[in-house]
């Protein structure tokens, strides 16, 4: 809902149960299309599955850790 996201439109496509397609239209009229397949619900993931480790020399701005 922010006005400075760079996107003009977001379209979501669902089947009976899952998100299947996403389209993003930017301020230049370019469309990015994402398709989703093999969607699984309630999959257990290990705690470290999404651990972010920034590359050397990169400045990270935000919450410290």
PDB file of N, CA and C in Angstrom:
ATOM      1  N   UNK A   1       0.796  -1.194   0.000  1.00  0.00           N
ATOM      2  CA  UNK A   1       0.000   0.000   0.000  1.00  0.00           C
ATOM      3  C   UNK A   1       0.845   1.268   0.000  1.00  0.00           C
ATOM      4  N   UNK A   2       2.156   1.099   0.049  1.00  0.00           N
ATOM      5  CA  UNK A   2       3.017   2.268  -0.019  1.00  0.00           C
ATOM      6  C   UNK A   2       3.055   2.776  -1.446  1.00  0.00           C
ATOM      7  N   UNK A   3       3.165   4.075  -1.605  1.00  0.00           N
ATOM      8  CA  UNK A   3       3.140   4.678  -2.927  1.00  0.00           C
ATOM      9  C   UNK A   3       4.481   4.597  -3.643  1.00  0.00           C
ATOM     10  N   UNK A   4       5.557   4.301  -2.941  1.00  0.00           N
ATOM     11  CA  UNK A   4       6.881   4.306  -3.549  1.00  0.00           C
ATOM     12  C   UNK A   4       7.455   2.900  -3.760  1.00  0.00           C
ATOM     13  N   UNK A   5       6.604   1.908  -4.007  1.00  0.00           N
ATOM     14  CA  UNK A   5       7.083   0.541  -4.174  1.00  0.00           C
ATOM     15  C   UNK A   5       7.666   0.285  -5.550  1.00  0.00           C
ATOM     16  N   UNK A   6       7.333   1.115  -6.543  1.00  0.00           N
ATOM     17  CA  UNK A   6       7.799   0.876  -7.899  1.00  0.00           C
ATOM     18  C   UNK A   6       6.853   0.019  -8.706  1.00  0.00           C
ATOM     19  N   UNK A   7       5.796  -0.479  -8.100  1.00  0.00           N
ATOM     20  CA  UNK A   7       4.829  -1.311  -8.802  1.00  0.00           C
ATOM     21  C   UNK A   7       3.489  -0.599  -8.904  1.00  0.00           C
ATOM     22  N   UNK A   8       2.864  -0.727 -10.068  1.00  0.00           N
ATOM     23  CA  UNK A   8       1.563  -0.111 -10.305  1.00  0.00           C
ATOM     24  C   UNK A   8       0.425  -1.095 -10.041  1.00  0.00           C
ATOM     25  N   UNK A   9       0.669  -2.372 -10.344  1.00  0.00           N
ATOM     26  CA  UNK A   9      -0.369  -3.390 -10.189  1.00  0.00           C
ATOM     27  C   UNK A   9       0.228  -4.684  -9.662  1.00  0.00           C
ATOM     28  N   UNK A  10      -0.579  -5.421  -8.935  1.00  0.00           N
ATOM     29  CA  UNK A  10      -0.245  -6.760  -8.473  1.00  0.00           C
ATOM     30  C   UNK A  10      -1.469  -7.620  -8.715  1.00  0.00           C
ATOM     31  N   UNK A  11      -1.296  -8.710  -9.455  1.00  0.00           N
ATOM     32  CA  UNK A  11      -2.401  -9.620  -9.748  1.00  0.00           C
ATOM     33  C   UNK A  11      -2.054 -10.993  -9.190  1.00  0.00           C
ATOM     34  N   UNK A  12      -3.006 -11.609  -8.489  1.00  0.00           N
ATOM     35  CA  UNK A  12      -2.812 -12.928  -7.912  1.00  0.00           C
ATOM     36  C   UNK A  12      -3.801 -13.890  -8.538  1.00  0.00           C
ATOM     37  N   UNK A  13      -3.348 -15.099  -8.856  1.00  0.00           N
ATOM     38  CA  UNK A  13      -4.216 -16.119  -9.422  1.00  0.00           C
ATOM     39  C   UNK A  13      -4.204 -17.361  -8.546  1.00  0.00           C
ATOM     40  N   UNK A  14      -5.385 -17.851  -8.204  1.00  0.00           N
ATOM     41  CA  UNK A  14      -5.527 -19.008  -7.327  1.00  0.00           C
ATOM     42  C   UNK A  14      -6.297 -20.115  -8.026  1.00  0.00           C
ATOM     43  N   UNK A  15      -6.003 -21.365  -7.654  1.00  0.00           N
ATOM     44  CA  UNK A  15      -6.895 -22.455  -8.019  1.00  0.00           C
ATOM     45  C   UNK A  15      -7.832 -22.638  -6.813  1.00  0.00           C
ATOM     46  N   UNK A  16      -8.411 -23.779  -6.657  1.00  0.00           N
ATOM     47  CA  UNK A  16      -9.356 -23.984  -5.555  1.00  0.00           C
ATOM     48  C   UNK A  16      -8.702 -23.846  -4.174  1.00  0.00           C
ATOM     49  N   UNK A  17      -7.375 -24.078  -4.097  1.00  0.00           N
ATOM     50  CA  UNK A  17      -6.738 -24.121  -2.780  1.00  0.00           C
ATOM     51  C   UNK A  17      -5.459 -23.300  -2.637  1.00  0.00           C
ATOM     52  N   UNK A  18      -4.776 -23.014  -3.729  1.00  0.00           N
ATOM     53  CA  UNK A  18      -3.436 -22.432  -3.613  1.00  0.00           C
ATOM     54  C   UNK A  18      -3.204 -21.263  -4.573  1.00  0.00           C
ATOM     55  N   UNK A  19      -2.246 -20.440  -4.190  1.00  0.00           N
ATOM     56  CA  UNK A  19      -1.735 -19.412  -5.086  1.00  0.00           C
ATOM     57  C   UNK A  19      -0.996 -20.110  -6.226  1.00  0.00           C
ATOM     58  N   UNK A  20      -1.319 -19.778  -7.464  1.00  0.00           N
ATOM     59  CA  UNK A  20      -0.693 -20.413  -8.619  1.00  0.00           C
ATOM     60  C   UNK A  20       0.088 -19.442  -9.491  1.00  0.00           C
ATOM     61  N   UNK A  21      -0.277 -18.155  -9.455  1.00  0.00           N
ATOM     62  CA  UNK A  21       0.352 -17.195 -10.357  1.00  0.00           C
ATOM     63  C   UNK A  21       0.360 -15.815  -9.699  1.00  0.00           C
ATOM     64  N   UNK A  22       1.422 -15.077  -9.971  1.00  0.00           N
ATOM     65  CA  UNK A  22       1.508 -13.701  -9.499  1.00  0.00           C
ATOM     66  C   UNK A  22       2.096 -12.864 -10.622  1.00  0.00           C
ATOM     67  N   UNK A  23       1.489 -11.723 -10.892  1.00  0.00           N
ATOM     68  CA  UNK A  23       1.988 -10.789 -11.903  1.00  0.00           C
ATOM     69  C   UNK A  23       2.186  -9.430 -11.254  1.00  0.00           C
ATOM     70  N   UNK A  24       3.332  -8.840 -11.492  1.00  0.00           N
ATOM     71  CA  UNK A  24       3.646  -7.513 -10.973  1.00  0.00           C
ATOM     72  C   UNK A  24       3.909  -6.603 -12.160  1.00  0.00           C
ATOM     73  N   UNK A  25       3.248  -5.459 -12.200  1.00  0.00           N
ATOM     74  CA  UNK A  25       3.436  -4.486 -13.271  1.00  0.00           C
ATOM     75  C   UNK A  25       4.117  -3.268 -12.657  1.00  0.00           C
ATOM     76  N   UNK A  26       5.283  -2.908 -13.200  1.00  0.00           N
ATOM     77  CA  UNK A  26       6.020  -1.770 -12.651  1.00  0.00           C
ATOM     78  C   UNK A  26       5.595  -0.457 -13.297  1.00  0.00           C
ATOM     79  N   UNK A  27       6.196   0.620 -12.859  1.00  0.00           N
ATOM     80  CA  UNK A  27       5.861   1.955 -13.350  1.00  0.00           C
ATOM     81  C   UNK A  27       6.177   2.177 -14.817  1.00  0.00           C
ATOM     82  N   UNK A  28       6.969   1.315 -15.430  1.00  0.00           N
ATOM     83  CA  UNK A  28       7.301   1.417 -16.846  1.00  0.00           C
ATOM     84  C   UNK A  28       6.412   0.534 -17.714  1.00  0.00           C
ATOM     85  N   UNK A  29       5.470  -0.166 -17.076  1.00  0.00           N
ATOM     86  CA  UNK A  29       4.583  -1.057 -17.812  1.00  0.00           C
ATOM     87  C   UNK A  29       5.147  -2.447 -18.041  1.00  0.00           C
ATOM     88  N   UNK A  30       6.321  -2.728 -17.471  1.00  0.00           N
ATOM     89  CA  UNK A  30       6.917  -4.053 -17.598  1.00  0.00           C
ATOM     90  C   UNK A  30       6.235  -5.016 -16.635  1.00  0.00           C
ATOM     91  N   UNK A  31       5.953  -6.226 -17.101  1.00  0.00           N
ATOM     92  CA  UNK A  31       5.266  -7.218 -16.280  1.00  0.00           C
ATOM     93  C   UNK A  31       6.215  -8.349 -15.911  1.00  0.00           C
ATOM     94  N   UNK A  32       6.257  -8.666 -14.625  1.00  0.00           N
ATOM     95  CA  UNK A  32       6.985  -9.828 -14.123  1.00  0.00           C
ATOM     96  C   UNK A  32       5.956 -10.877 -13.755  1.00  0.00           C
ATOM     97  N   UNK A  33       6.114 -12.085 -14.309  1.00  0.00           N
ATOM     98  CA  UNK A  33       5.172 -13.171 -14.057  1.00  0.00           C
ATOM     99  C   UNK A  33       5.861 -14.277 -13.267  1.00  0.00           C
ATOM    100  N   UNK A  34       5.222 -14.696 -12.192  1.00  0.00           N
ATOM    101  CA  UNK A  34       5.730 -15.789 -11.365  1.00  0.00           C
ATOM    102  C   UNK A  34       4.691 -16.893 -11.347  1.00  0.00           C
ATOM    103  N   UNK A  35       5.123 -18.119 -11.565  1.00  0.00           N
ATOM    104  CA  UNK A  35       4.230 -19.270 -11.508  1.00  0.00           C
ATOM    105  C   UNK A  35       4.623 -20.175 -10.359  1.00  0.00           C
ATOM    106  N   UNK A  36       3.649 -20.730  -9.672  1.00  0.00           N
ATOM    107  CA  UNK A  36       3.896 -21.592  -8.523  1.00  0.00           C
ATOM    108  C   UNK A  36       3.360 -22.985  -8.816  1.00  0.00           C
ATOM    109  N   UNK A  37       4.173 -24.007  -8.558  1.00  0.00           N
ATOM    110  CA  UNK A  37       3.748 -25.390  -8.749  1.00  0.00           C
ATOM    111  C   UNK A  37       4.248 -26.212  -7.564  1.00  0.00           C
ATOM    112  N   UNK A  38       3.704 -27.379  -7.421  1.00  0.00           N
ATOM    113  CA  UNK A  38       4.083 -28.274  -6.316  1.00  0.00           C
ATOM    114  C   UNK A  38       3.955 -27.582  -4.960  1.00  0.00           C
ATOM    115  N   UNK A  39       2.904 -26.802  -4.795  1.00  0.00           N
ATOM    116  CA  UNK A  39       2.666 -26.081  -3.547  1.00  0.00           C
ATOM    117  C   UNK A  39       2.310 -27.084  -2.460  1.00  0.00           C
ATOM    118  N   UNK A  40       2.945 -26.955  -1.300  1.00  0.00           N
ATOM    119  CA  UNK A  40       2.677 -27.839  -0.172  1.00  0.00           C
ATOM    120  C   UNK A  40       2.277 -27.007   1.031  1.00  0.00           C
ATOM    121  N   UNK A  41       1.288 -27.466   1.768  1.00  0.00           N
ATOM    122  CA  UNK A  41       0.814 -26.766   2.964  1.00  0.00           C
ATOM    123  C   UNK A  41       1.473 -27.323   4.228  1.00  0.00           C
ATOM    124  N   UNK A  42       1.707 -26.438   5.174  1.00  0.00           N
ATOM    125  CA  UNK A  42       2.142 -26.815   6.529  1.00  0.00           C
ATOM    126  C   UNK A  42       3.369 -27.715   6.550  1.00  0.00           C
ATOM    127  N   UNK A  43       4.333 -27.426   5.702  1.00  0.00           N
ATOM    128  CA  UNK A  43       5.571 -28.199   5.661  1.00  0.00           C
ATOM    129  C   UNK A  43       6.461 -27.763   6.828  1.00  0.00           C
ATOM    130  N   UNK A  44       6.986 -28.712   7.552  1.00  0.00           N
ATOM    131  CA  UNK A  44       7.907 -28.399   8.654  1.00  0.00           C
ATOM    132  C   UNK A  44       9.278 -28.089   8.060  1.00  0.00           C
ATOM    133  N   UNK A  45       9.821 -26.942   8.433  1.00  0.00           N
ATOM    134  CA  UNK A  45      11.140 -26.525   7.951  1.00  0.00           C
ATOM    135  C   UNK A  45      12.089 -26.402   9.133  1.00  0.00           C
ATOM    136  N   UNK A  46      13.358 -26.722   8.921  1.00  0.00           N
ATOM    137  CA  UNK A  46      14.321 -26.548  10.012  1.00  0.00           C
ATOM    138  C   UNK A  46      14.465 -25.067  10.370  1.00  0.00           C
ATOM    139  N   UNK A  47      14.785 -24.793  11.616  1.00  0.00           N
ATOM    140  CA  UNK A  47      14.881 -23.412  12.107  1.00  0.00           C
ATOM    141  C   UNK A  47      15.880 -22.579  11.313  1.00  0.00           C
ATOM    142  N   UNK A  48      16.920 -23.204  10.780  1.00  0.00           N
ATOM    143  CA  UNK A  48      17.951 -22.451  10.060  1.00  0.00           C
ATOM    144  C   UNK A  48      17.699 -22.375   8.556  1.00  0.00           C
ATOM    145  N   UNK A  49      16.534 -22.747   8.102  1.00  0.00           N
ATOM    146  CA  UNK A  49      16.240 -22.763   6.665  1.00  0.00           C
ATOM    147  C   UNK A  49      16.310 -21.378   6.034  1.00  0.00           C
ATOM    148  N   UNK A  50      16.051 -20.346   6.796  1.00  0.00           N
ATOM    149  CA  UNK A  50      16.023 -18.994   6.251  1.00  0.00           C
ATOM    150  C   UNK A  50      17.011 -18.073   6.954  1.00  0.00           C
ATOM    151  N   UNK A  51      18.126 -18.611   7.354  1.00  0.00           N
ATOM    152  CA  UNK A  51      19.140 -17.802   8.024  1.00  0.00           C
ATOM    153  C   UNK A  51      19.868 -16.958   6.983  1.00  0.00           C
ATOM    154  N   UNK A  52      19.867 -15.648   7.185  1.00  0.00           N
ATOM    155  CA  UNK A  52      20.523 -14.730   6.262  1.00  0.00           C
ATOM    156  C   UNK A  52      21.952 -14.477   6.715  1.00  0.00           C
ATOM    157  N   UNK A  53      22.900 -14.748   5.847  1.00  0.00           N
ATOM    158  CA  UNK A  53      24.306 -14.463   6.116  1.00  0.00           C
ATOM    159  C   UNK A  53      24.785 -13.523   5.010  1.00  0.00           C
ATOM    160  N   UNK A  54      24.976 -12.244   5.348  1.00  0.00           N
ATOM    161  CA  UNK A  54      25.395 -11.286   4.312  1.00  0.00           C
ATOM    162  C   UNK A  54      26.808 -11.572   3.830  1.00  0.00           C
ATOM    163  N   UNK A  55      27.057 -11.340   2.543  1.00  0.00           N
ATOM    164  CA  UNK A  55      28.416 -11.527   2.012  1.00  0.00           C
ATOM    165  C   UNK A  55      29.384 -10.520   2.631  1.00  0.00           C
ATOM    166  N   UNK A  56      30.650 -10.852   2.627  1.00  0.00           N
ATOM    167  CA  UNK A  56      31.673  -9.933   3.152  1.00  0.00           C
ATOM    168  C   UNK A  56      31.639  -8.627   2.378  1.00  0.00           C
ATOM    169  N   UNK A  57      31.812  -7.526   3.103  1.00  0.00           N
ATOM    170  CA  UNK A  57      31.874  -6.217   2.484  1.00  0.00           C
ATOM    171  C   UNK A  57      30.510  -5.558   2.271  1.00  0.00           C
ATOM    172  N   UNK A  58      29.422  -6.236   2.680  1.00  0.00           N
ATOM    173  CA  UNK A  58      28.078  -5.694   2.490  1.00  0.00           C
ATOM    174  C   UNK A  58      27.638  -5.000   3.774  1.00  0.00           C
ATOM    175  N   UNK A  59      27.087  -3.807   3.647  1.00  0.00           N
ATOM    176  CA  UNK A  59      26.526  -3.093   4.794  1.00  0.00           C
ATOM    177  C   UNK A  59      25.083  -3.528   4.972  1.00  0.00           C
ATOM    178  N   UNK A  60      24.730  -3.935   6.184  1.00  0.00           N
ATOM    179  CA  UNK A  60      23.362  -4.327   6.493  1.00  0.00           C
ATOM    180  C   UNK A  60      22.773  -3.238   7.367  1.00  0.00           C
ATOM    181  N   UNK A  61      21.662  -2.672   6.915  1.00  0.00           N
ATOM    182  CA  UNK A  61      21.004  -1.591   7.638  1.00  0.00           C
ATOM    183  C   UNK A  61      19.697  -2.138   8.189  1.00  0.00           C
ATOM    184  N   UNK A  62      19.480  -1.946   9.471  1.00  0.00           N
ATOM    185  CA  UNK A  62      18.225  -2.420  10.069  1.00  0.00           C
ATOM    186  C   UNK A  62      18.485  -2.944  11.459  1.00  0.00           C
ATOM    187  N   UNK A  63      17.711  -3.928  11.841  1.00  0.00           N
ATOM    188  CA  UNK A  63      17.832  -4.475  13.191  1.00  0.00           C
ATOM    189  C   UNK A  63      19.152  -5.191  13.352  1.00  0.00           C
ATOM    190  N   UNK A  64      19.815  -4.919  14.456  1.00  0.00           N
ATOM    191  CA  UNK A  64      21.098  -5.540  14.742  1.00  0.00           C
ATOM    192  C   UNK A  64      20.931  -6.939  15.276  1.00  0.00           C
ATOM    193  N   UNK A  65      22.009  -7.658  15.264  1.00  0.00           N
ATOM    194  CA  UNK A  65      21.911  -9.022  15.761  1.00  0.00           C
ATOM    195  C   UNK A  65      23.209  -9.522  16.305  1.00  0.00           C
TER     196      UNK A  65
END
